[in-house]
Amino acid sequence: MEFVFTPEQETFRERVRSFIKDNWAPPPPTARPGDDTTNEAEREYEKRLAKNGWLTMAWPKEYGGLAANHMEQLIFREESGYAGAPGGGGQGISMVGPCLMVHGSEDQKKEHLPKIASGEVHWGQGFSEPGSGSDLASLQTRAVRDGDDFVINGQKIWTSGAHHADWFHVLTRTAPDAPKHRGISYFLVDGKTAGITVRPLINMLGDHEFNEVFFEDVRVPAANMMGEENRGWYVATTLLDFERSGVNWSASGRRQVEDLTAYAKQTRGPRGRLIDNQDLRYGLANLRCEVEVSRLLSYQVVWMQSQGKVPNYEASMSKAFGSELGQRVANFGMRMIGLGSQRIDANDAAAPLRGAFGRAYMRTVPGTIAAGTSEVQRNIIATRGLGLPRG
């Protein structure tokens, strides 16, 4: 079977490529992921996207979108991932916004969706806790009713971009005696609320992308609860389906494989050009095939969304395969480049490919953990996709 885009869609793809080339100014090599310089560059670019209507192109017009079809949004995000540009995949755009459309009150939609669509407000996710990662439903952060408010106390961890977030979407326990999946409520919390403390978590590359967030007697209006009280788990599972539906895995993987192929053609080893090594060529070809598999899995998720369906195990398939593909590509790149791949400083002119694969080798480690581990994804695929019994 041959998959092709329409002429109109291919024309749109060219428009996207031109826009990215003309408007995305990557931060300098001295900048690090998660720092102020990188954050400022990404926010400025997202505002340009918003002015063009592309930040939330598939959203309804009443919420600041273009009501574009899902295939156009797919093309935009695929090209963004390939170019390494922000693709509107932040917490607000890809998670909070779509979830509000399904579960939010009219007041919540009117307050938050336009600000997300304009790039004005950015969100951080308050889900995981030190003792509640893969078993997220075991979370212990409490929210206790006090008049018209709830008072939140607890700790969240691995909060991406919390040091730059304006708002947080937070899961809390509101019925401690109920079964763990049925006693959770979902809140939208203003990041300026008294009692919130954000502390950095520095990763093995020395980058500050993750944080831990402490809530100490944080008062949140009851009106900020999304969905029904004690039914927040089911709101969150809808949100995670959206989170796992990205096409960025295959797009970035395709770019990496192309970069490795070009490097292999230009670089000579003791026995000639690297590309002349048969095993290396087979390895590159195999990775290119895997990139296509990842791409088609993500296309399936987008097609389901275009049909008004909520992808579930299909999104887990895309996420598990795509995140593991990222690790395989990085591992192959490290082995192909050799000892030089250990030079990971992007400012080191002598580092092969500017150290990209050494950094990728370490950066992809959490890829199979964040947003639901590969083990969790396989459980979802087994029970909801294959109908296997729970163990």
Protein backbone atom coordinates (compact mmCIF):
# COMPACT_ATOMS: atom_id res chain seq x y z
CA MET A 1 0.00 0.00 0.00
CA GLU A 2 1.27 3.47 -0.88
CA PHE A 3 0.52 6.35 1.45
CA VAL A 4 0.48 9.76 -0.20
CA PHE A 5 -0.64 13.27 0.75
CA THR A 6 -2.89 15.35 -1.46
CA PRO A 7 -1.37 18.16 -3.58
CA GLU A 8 -2.96 20.68 -1.22
CA GLN A 9 -1.36 19.01 1.77
CA GLU A 10 2.04 18.95 0.09
CA THR A 11 1.66 22.67 -0.65
CA PHE A 12 0.89 23.26 3.00
CA ARG A 13 3.99 21.26 3.97
CA GLU A 14 6.12 23.61 1.87
CA ARG A 15 4.52 26.59 3.60
CA VAL A 16 5.39 25.12 6.98
CA ARG A 17 8.99 24.49 5.95
CA SER A 18 9.34 28.07 4.74
CA PHE A 19 7.80 29.46 7.91
CA ILE A 20 10.14 27.49 10.14
CA LYS A 21 13.17 28.56 8.10
CA ASP A 22 12.16 32.23 8.28
CA ASN A 23 10.97 32.38 11.89
CA TRP A 24 12.71 29.80 14.07
CA ALA A 25 15.94 31.15 15.48
CA PRO A 26 17.50 28.35 17.56
CA PRO A 27 19.19 29.48 20.78
CA PRO A 28 22.99 29.76 20.62
CA PRO A 29 25.11 26.66 21.32
CA THR A 30 25.99 28.10 24.72
CA ALA A 31 22.32 27.86 25.76
CA ARG A 32 21.11 24.74 27.54
CA PRO A 33 17.73 23.01 27.46
CA GLY A 34 15.50 24.49 30.12
CA ASP A 35 17.51 27.66 30.73
CA ASP A 36 16.19 31.21 30.38
CA THR A 37 17.74 31.77 26.95
CA THR A 38 16.17 28.64 25.48
CA ASN A 39 12.84 29.36 27.13
CA GLU A 40 12.78 32.90 25.75
CA ALA A 41 13.58 31.69 22.20
CA GLU A 42 10.85 29.07 22.33
CA ARG A 43 8.22 31.44 23.73
CA GLU A 44 8.99 34.08 21.12
CA TYR A 45 8.65 31.51 18.34
CA GLU A 46 5.37 30.18 19.74
CA LYS A 47 3.95 33.71 19.74
CA ARG A 48 4.82 33.94 16.05
CA LEU A 49 3.07 30.64 15.49
CA ALA A 50 0.03 31.94 17.36
CA LYS A 51 -0.15 35.05 15.15
CA ASN A 52 -0.10 32.74 12.14
CA GLY A 53 -2.80 30.55 13.67
CA TRP A 54 -0.59 27.47 13.75
CA LEU A 55 -0.06 27.05 17.47
CA THR A 56 -3.53 25.52 17.85
CA MET A 57 -4.53 25.05 14.25
CA ALA A 58 -6.84 22.05 14.86
CA TRP A 59 -8.70 23.70 17.76
CA PRO A 60 -12.21 25.10 17.21
CA LYS A 61 -12.22 28.74 16.12
CA GLU A 62 -14.14 29.76 19.24
CA TYR A 63 -11.10 28.79 21.33
CA GLY A 64 -8.48 30.47 19.16
CA GLY A 65 -7.83 27.72 16.64
CA LEU A 66 -8.29 27.48 12.89
CA ALA A 67 -10.52 24.40 12.91
CA ALA A 68 -7.94 22.88 10.57
CA ASN A 69 -8.07 19.18 9.90
CA HIS A 70 -5.87 16.81 11.85
CA MET A 71 -3.70 15.97 8.85
CA GLU A 72 -2.61 19.59 8.54
CA GLN A 73 -1.70 19.61 12.21
CA LEU A 74 0.19 16.35 11.71
CA ILE A 75 2.18 17.86 8.84
CA PHE A 76 3.02 20.91 10.92
CA ARG A 77 4.24 18.89 13.89
CA GLU A 78 6.14 16.46 11.70
CA GLU A 79 8.03 19.25 9.98
CA SER A 80 8.67 20.98 13.31
CA GLY A 81 10.09 17.79 14.80
CA TYR A 82 12.32 17.26 11.78
CA ALA A 83 13.63 20.84 11.99
CA GLY A 84 14.11 20.72 15.76
CA ALA A 85 11.70 23.64 16.20
CA PRO A 86 9.03 23.91 18.91
CA GLY A 87 5.90 22.31 17.50
CA GLY A 88 3.24 23.49 19.86
CA GLY A 89 3.60 20.34 21.91
CA GLY A 90 3.83 21.92 25.34
CA GLN A 91 1.64 21.01 28.27
CA GLY A 92 -1.01 23.58 27.48
CA ILE A 93 -1.27 22.92 23.76
CA SER A 94 -1.07 19.13 23.65
CA MET A 95 -2.51 18.18 27.03
CA VAL A 96 -4.44 20.76 29.06
CA GLY A 97 -6.23 22.34 26.11
CA PRO A 98 -7.59 19.16 24.51
CA CYS A 99 -8.54 17.82 27.94
CA LEU A 100 -10.43 21.00 28.80
CA MET A 101 -12.43 20.64 25.62
CA VAL A 102 -13.58 17.21 26.77
CA HIS A 103 -13.98 17.69 30.53
CA GLY A 104 -13.74 21.41 31.34
CA SER A 105 -16.58 23.69 32.36
CA GLU A 106 -17.58 26.52 30.05
CA ASP A 107 -15.99 29.05 32.41
CA GLN A 108 -12.73 27.08 32.45
CA LYS A 109 -12.69 26.88 28.67
CA LYS A 110 -13.30 30.60 28.28
CA GLU A 111 -10.63 31.49 30.81
CA HIS A 112 -7.81 29.17 29.79
CA LEU A 113 -8.12 28.10 26.16
CA PRO A 114 -7.67 31.55 24.54
CA LYS A 115 -4.55 32.21 26.67
CA ILE A 116 -3.08 28.84 25.72
CA ALA A 117 -3.86 29.44 22.05
CA SER A 118 -2.12 32.84 22.06
CA GLY A 119 1.05 31.47 23.68
CA GLU A 120 0.47 33.78 26.63
CA VAL A 121 0.31 31.11 29.34
CA HIS A 122 2.46 28.00 29.80
CA TRP A 123 1.66 24.99 31.97
CA GLY A 124 3.48 22.51 34.18
CA GLN A 125 2.22 19.03 35.03
CA GLY A 126 1.73 18.01 38.67
CA PHE A 127 1.21 14.25 38.35
CA SER A 128 4.18 12.09 39.44
CA GLU A 129 5.33 11.96 43.06
CA PRO A 130 8.42 10.47 44.72
CA GLY A 131 6.44 7.31 45.53
CA SER A 132 3.98 7.44 42.65
CA GLY A 133 5.42 7.19 39.19
CA SER A 134 4.28 4.26 37.08
CA ASP A 135 1.66 3.53 39.75
CA LEU A 136 0.36 7.07 39.47
CA ALA A 137 -2.97 6.24 41.13
CA SER A 138 -1.14 5.70 44.43
CA LEU A 139 -0.42 9.46 44.69
CA GLN A 140 -0.73 11.03 48.15
CA THR A 141 -0.92 14.79 47.55
CA ARG A 142 -4.09 15.80 49.43
CA ALA A 143 -6.77 18.35 48.62
CA VAL A 144 -9.18 19.06 51.48
CA ARG A 145 -12.37 21.10 51.05
CA ASP A 146 -12.50 24.35 53.05
CA GLY A 147 -15.51 26.46 52.13
CA ASP A 148 -15.28 27.57 48.52
CA ASP A 149 -11.67 26.38 48.27
CA PHE A 150 -9.61 23.23 48.42
CA VAL A 151 -6.34 23.27 50.36
CA ILE A 152 -3.55 21.27 48.71
CA ASN A 153 -0.57 19.76 50.52
CA GLY A 154 2.02 17.45 49.00
CA GLN A 155 4.94 17.08 46.63
CA LYS A 156 5.24 16.51 42.89
CA ILE A 157 8.37 15.50 41.01
CA TRP A 158 9.81 15.40 37.47
CA THR A 159 7.79 18.50 36.59
CA SER A 160 9.07 19.60 33.18
CA GLY A 161 9.55 23.35 32.88
CA ALA A 162 8.00 24.11 36.27
CA HIS A 163 10.47 26.98 36.75
CA HIS A 164 8.92 28.67 33.71
CA ALA A 165 5.29 27.58 34.18
CA ASP A 166 2.48 30.08 34.76
CA TRP A 167 -0.08 27.43 35.79
CA PHE A 168 -0.04 23.80 36.90
CA HIS A 169 -2.51 21.00 36.25
CA VAL A 170 -2.43 18.83 39.34
CA LEU A 171 -3.81 15.46 40.46
CA THR A 172 -4.72 15.25 44.15
CA ARG A 173 -6.37 12.78 46.49
CA THR A 174 -9.73 14.04 47.74
CA ALA A 175 -11.20 10.76 49.08
CA PRO A 176 -8.42 8.94 50.95
CA ASP A 177 -10.65 6.00 51.93
CA ALA A 178 -11.93 5.33 48.40
CA PRO A 179 -10.27 2.85 46.01
CA LYS A 180 -7.16 4.60 44.73
CA HIS A 181 -8.45 5.23 41.20
CA ARG A 182 -11.74 6.65 42.48
CA GLY A 183 -10.56 9.15 45.05
CA ILE A 184 -8.57 11.51 42.83
CA SER A 185 -9.54 15.01 41.69
CA TYR A 186 -7.98 17.21 39.02
CA PHE A 187 -7.17 20.89 39.67
CA LEU A 188 -5.95 23.84 37.64
CA VAL A 189 -3.60 25.82 39.89
CA ASP A 190 -2.23 29.33 39.35
CA GLY A 191 1.56 29.14 39.71
CA LYS A 192 1.61 32.42 41.65
CA THR A 193 -0.53 30.98 44.46
CA ALA A 194 1.07 31.27 47.89
CA GLY A 195 2.56 28.03 49.20
CA ILE A 196 4.04 26.72 45.93
CA THR A 197 7.80 26.10 45.92
CA VAL A 198 9.72 24.96 42.82
CA ARG A 199 13.15 23.36 43.23
CA PRO A 200 15.42 22.32 40.33
CA LEU A 201 16.40 18.77 39.43
CA ILE A 202 19.58 18.75 37.33
CA ASN A 203 19.99 15.82 34.94
CA MET A 204 23.16 13.92 34.05
CA LEU A 205 23.93 16.40 31.26
CA GLY A 206 23.83 19.28 33.71
CA ASP A 207 20.60 20.63 32.26
CA HIS A 208 17.72 22.06 34.27
CA GLU A 209 14.53 20.81 32.65
CA PHE A 210 12.91 18.91 35.53
CA ASN A 211 11.83 20.16 38.92
CA GLU A 212 10.16 19.08 42.12
CA VAL A 213 7.20 21.16 43.25
CA PHE A 214 5.99 21.47 46.85
CA PHE A 215 2.45 22.47 47.81
CA GLU A 216 2.08 23.78 51.35
CA ASP A 217 -1.45 24.90 52.31
CA VAL A 218 -2.10 26.03 48.74
CA ARG A 219 -5.65 27.36 48.46
CA VAL A 220 -7.34 26.65 45.14
CA PRO A 221 -10.92 27.68 44.29
CA ALA A 222 -13.28 24.73 43.99
CA ALA A 223 -14.24 26.16 40.60
CA ASN A 224 -10.74 25.22 39.41
CA MET A 225 -11.53 21.50 39.61
CA MET A 226 -11.71 19.97 36.13
CA GLY A 227 -14.34 17.29 35.84
CA GLU A 228 -16.18 15.70 38.75
CA GLU A 229 -14.81 15.39 42.27
CA ASN A 230 -13.08 12.04 42.83
CA ARG A 231 -13.22 11.31 39.08
CA GLY A 232 -9.94 13.02 38.20
CA TRP A 233 -8.25 9.77 37.27
CA TYR A 234 -10.53 9.38 34.28
CA VAL A 235 -9.88 12.96 33.22
CA ALA A 236 -6.15 12.28 33.43
CA THR A 237 -6.28 9.10 31.35
CA THR A 238 -7.97 11.04 28.54
CA LEU A 239 -5.19 13.62 28.77
CA LEU A 240 -2.46 11.00 28.59
CA ASP A 241 -3.96 9.64 25.39
CA PHE A 242 -3.37 13.06 23.84
CA GLU A 243 0.13 13.24 25.31
CA ARG A 244 1.20 9.97 23.70
CA SER A 245 0.00 10.77 20.20
CA GLY A 246 2.95 12.86 18.90
CA VAL A 247 4.67 12.35 15.58
CA ASN A 248 7.89 13.92 16.86
CA TRP A 249 9.54 10.56 17.59
CA SER A 250 9.62 9.50 13.94
CA ALA A 251 10.36 13.00 12.61
CA SER A 252 13.36 13.59 14.86
CA GLY A 253 14.50 9.98 14.32
CA ARG A 254 14.43 10.45 10.55
CA ARG A 255 16.59 13.56 10.86
CA GLN A 256 19.08 11.74 13.10
CA VAL A 257 19.37 8.77 10.72
CA GLU A 258 19.92 11.16 7.82
CA ASP A 259 22.63 12.98 9.79
CA LEU A 260 24.34 9.68 10.59
CA THR A 261 24.14 8.58 6.95
CA ALA A 262 25.72 11.84 5.75
CA TYR A 263 28.44 11.53 8.41
CA ALA A 264 29.17 7.94 7.34
CA LYS A 265 29.56 9.06 3.71
CA GLN A 266 31.96 11.87 4.61
CA THR A 267 34.07 10.15 7.24
CA ARG A 268 36.92 7.72 6.61
CA GLY A 269 38.08 5.04 8.98
CA PRO A 270 41.07 2.64 8.84
CA ARG A 271 39.34 0.65 6.06
CA GLY A 272 37.90 3.50 4.03
CA ARG A 273 34.63 5.38 4.23
CA LEU A 274 32.35 4.32 7.05
CA ILE A 275 29.44 3.92 4.65
CA ASP A 276 31.36 1.22 2.77
CA ASN A 277 31.03 -1.05 5.81
CA GLN A 278 28.22 -3.48 5.00
CA ASP A 279 27.12 -3.99 8.60
CA LEU A 280 26.88 -0.24 9.15
CA ARG A 281 24.80 0.19 5.98
CA TYR A 282 22.43 -2.54 7.11
CA GLY A 283 22.15 -0.90 10.49
CA LEU A 284 21.26 2.46 8.99
CA ALA A 285 18.75 0.85 6.64
CA ASN A 286 17.11 -1.01 9.52
CA LEU A 287 16.77 2.19 11.55
CA ARG A 288 15.23 3.94 8.54
CA CYS A 289 12.64 1.17 8.35
CA GLU A 290 11.90 1.54 12.05
CA VAL A 291 11.43 5.28 11.58
CA GLU A 292 8.75 4.51 8.99
CA VAL A 293 7.01 2.12 11.37
CA SER A 294 6.99 4.82 14.03
CA ARG A 295 5.62 7.33 11.53
CA LEU A 296 2.74 5.06 10.51
CA LEU A 297 1.84 4.32 14.13
CA SER A 298 1.56 8.04 14.81
CA TYR A 299 -0.46 8.52 11.61
CA GLN A 300 -2.95 5.95 12.91
CA VAL A 301 -3.41 7.93 16.12
CA VAL A 302 -4.00 11.15 14.21
CA TRP A 303 -6.48 9.46 11.88
CA MET A 304 -8.47 8.26 14.90
CA GLN A 305 -8.55 11.77 16.31
CA SER A 306 -9.75 13.07 12.94
CA GLN A 307 -12.65 10.63 13.19
CA GLY A 308 -13.66 11.91 16.63
CA LYS A 309 -12.24 8.88 18.42
CA VAL A 310 -10.01 8.94 21.50
CA PRO A 311 -6.90 6.82 20.84
CA ASN A 312 -5.99 4.59 23.73
CA TYR A 313 -3.87 1.50 23.19
CA GLU A 314 -3.03 2.87 19.74
CA ALA A 315 -1.43 5.89 21.39
CA SER A 316 0.47 3.56 23.73
CA MET A 317 1.81 1.66 20.72
CA SER A 318 3.08 4.89 19.18
CA LYS A 319 4.63 6.11 22.42
CA ALA A 320 6.36 2.84 23.35
CA PHE A 321 7.79 2.20 19.89
CA GLY A 322 8.79 5.81 19.30
CA SER A 323 10.55 6.36 22.63
CA GLU A 324 12.46 3.08 22.32
CA LEU A 325 13.38 3.97 18.75
CA GLY A 326 15.00 7.15 20.06
CA GLN A 327 17.25 5.06 22.30
CA ARG A 328 18.16 2.67 19.48
CA VAL A 329 19.12 5.51 17.14
CA ALA A 330 21.26 7.18 19.79
CA ASN A 331 22.94 3.89 20.71
CA PHE A 332 23.73 3.14 17.08
CA GLY A 333 25.11 6.64 16.56
CA MET A 334 27.42 6.29 19.56
CA ARG A 335 28.80 2.97 18.31
CA MET A 336 29.20 4.17 14.74
CA ILE A 337 31.02 7.39 15.68
CA GLY A 338 33.20 5.62 18.24
CA LEU A 339 35.20 7.24 21.05
CA GLY A 340 34.66 10.69 19.59
CA SER A 341 30.98 10.43 20.46
CA GLN A 342 31.94 10.94 24.11
CA ARG A 343 32.72 14.57 23.36
CA ILE A 344 29.29 16.02 24.06
CA ASP A 345 29.90 19.77 24.28
CA ALA A 346 28.03 21.46 21.43
CA ASN A 347 30.63 24.25 21.51
CA ASP A 348 33.47 21.78 20.90
CA ALA A 349 34.32 22.15 17.21
CA ALA A 350 36.23 18.84 17.32
CA ALA A 351 33.22 16.89 18.58
CA PRO A 352 31.74 14.74 15.77
CA LEU A 353 28.32 16.10 14.81
CA ARG A 354 28.77 18.67 17.60
CA GLY A 355 28.32 15.97 20.24
CA ALA A 356 24.68 15.44 19.30
CA PHE A 357 24.64 11.67 19.67
CA GLY A 358 26.50 11.59 22.96
CA ARG A 359 23.88 13.94 24.36
CA ALA A 360 21.06 11.99 22.72
CA TYR A 361 22.40 8.77 24.24
CA MET A 362 21.84 10.24 27.70
CA ARG A 363 18.78 12.34 26.93
CA THR A 364 16.80 9.39 25.60
CA VAL A 365 17.20 7.38 28.81
CA PRO A 366 14.09 8.94 30.41
CA GLY A 367 12.18 8.67 27.12
CA THR A 368 10.85 5.24 28.03
CA ILE A 369 9.95 6.40 31.53
CA ALA A 370 8.37 9.85 31.14
CA ALA A 371 4.68 10.03 30.16
CA GLY A 372 4.23 6.40 31.17
CA THR A 373 6.91 3.72 31.11
CA SER A 374 7.22 1.21 28.29
CA GLU A 375 6.03 -1.44 30.76
CA VAL A 376 2.85 0.55 31.44
CA GLN A 377 2.32 1.05 27.69
CA ARG A 378 2.65 -2.68 27.07
CA ASN A 379 0.14 -3.40 29.83
CA ILE A 380 -2.33 -1.04 28.15
CA ILE A 381 -1.71 -2.66 24.77
CA ALA A 382 -2.18 -6.13 26.26
CA THR A 383 -5.36 -5.47 28.23
CA ARG A 384 -7.14 -2.87 26.12
CA GLY A 385 -5.78 -3.78 22.71
CA LEU A 386 -5.44 -7.56 22.86
CA GLY A 387 -8.05 -8.18 25.54
CA LEU A 388 -5.67 -10.19 27.72
CA PRO A 389 -6.57 -10.66 31.39
CA ARG A 390 -4.91 -8.63 34.08
CA GLY A 391 -2.15 -10.50 35.86
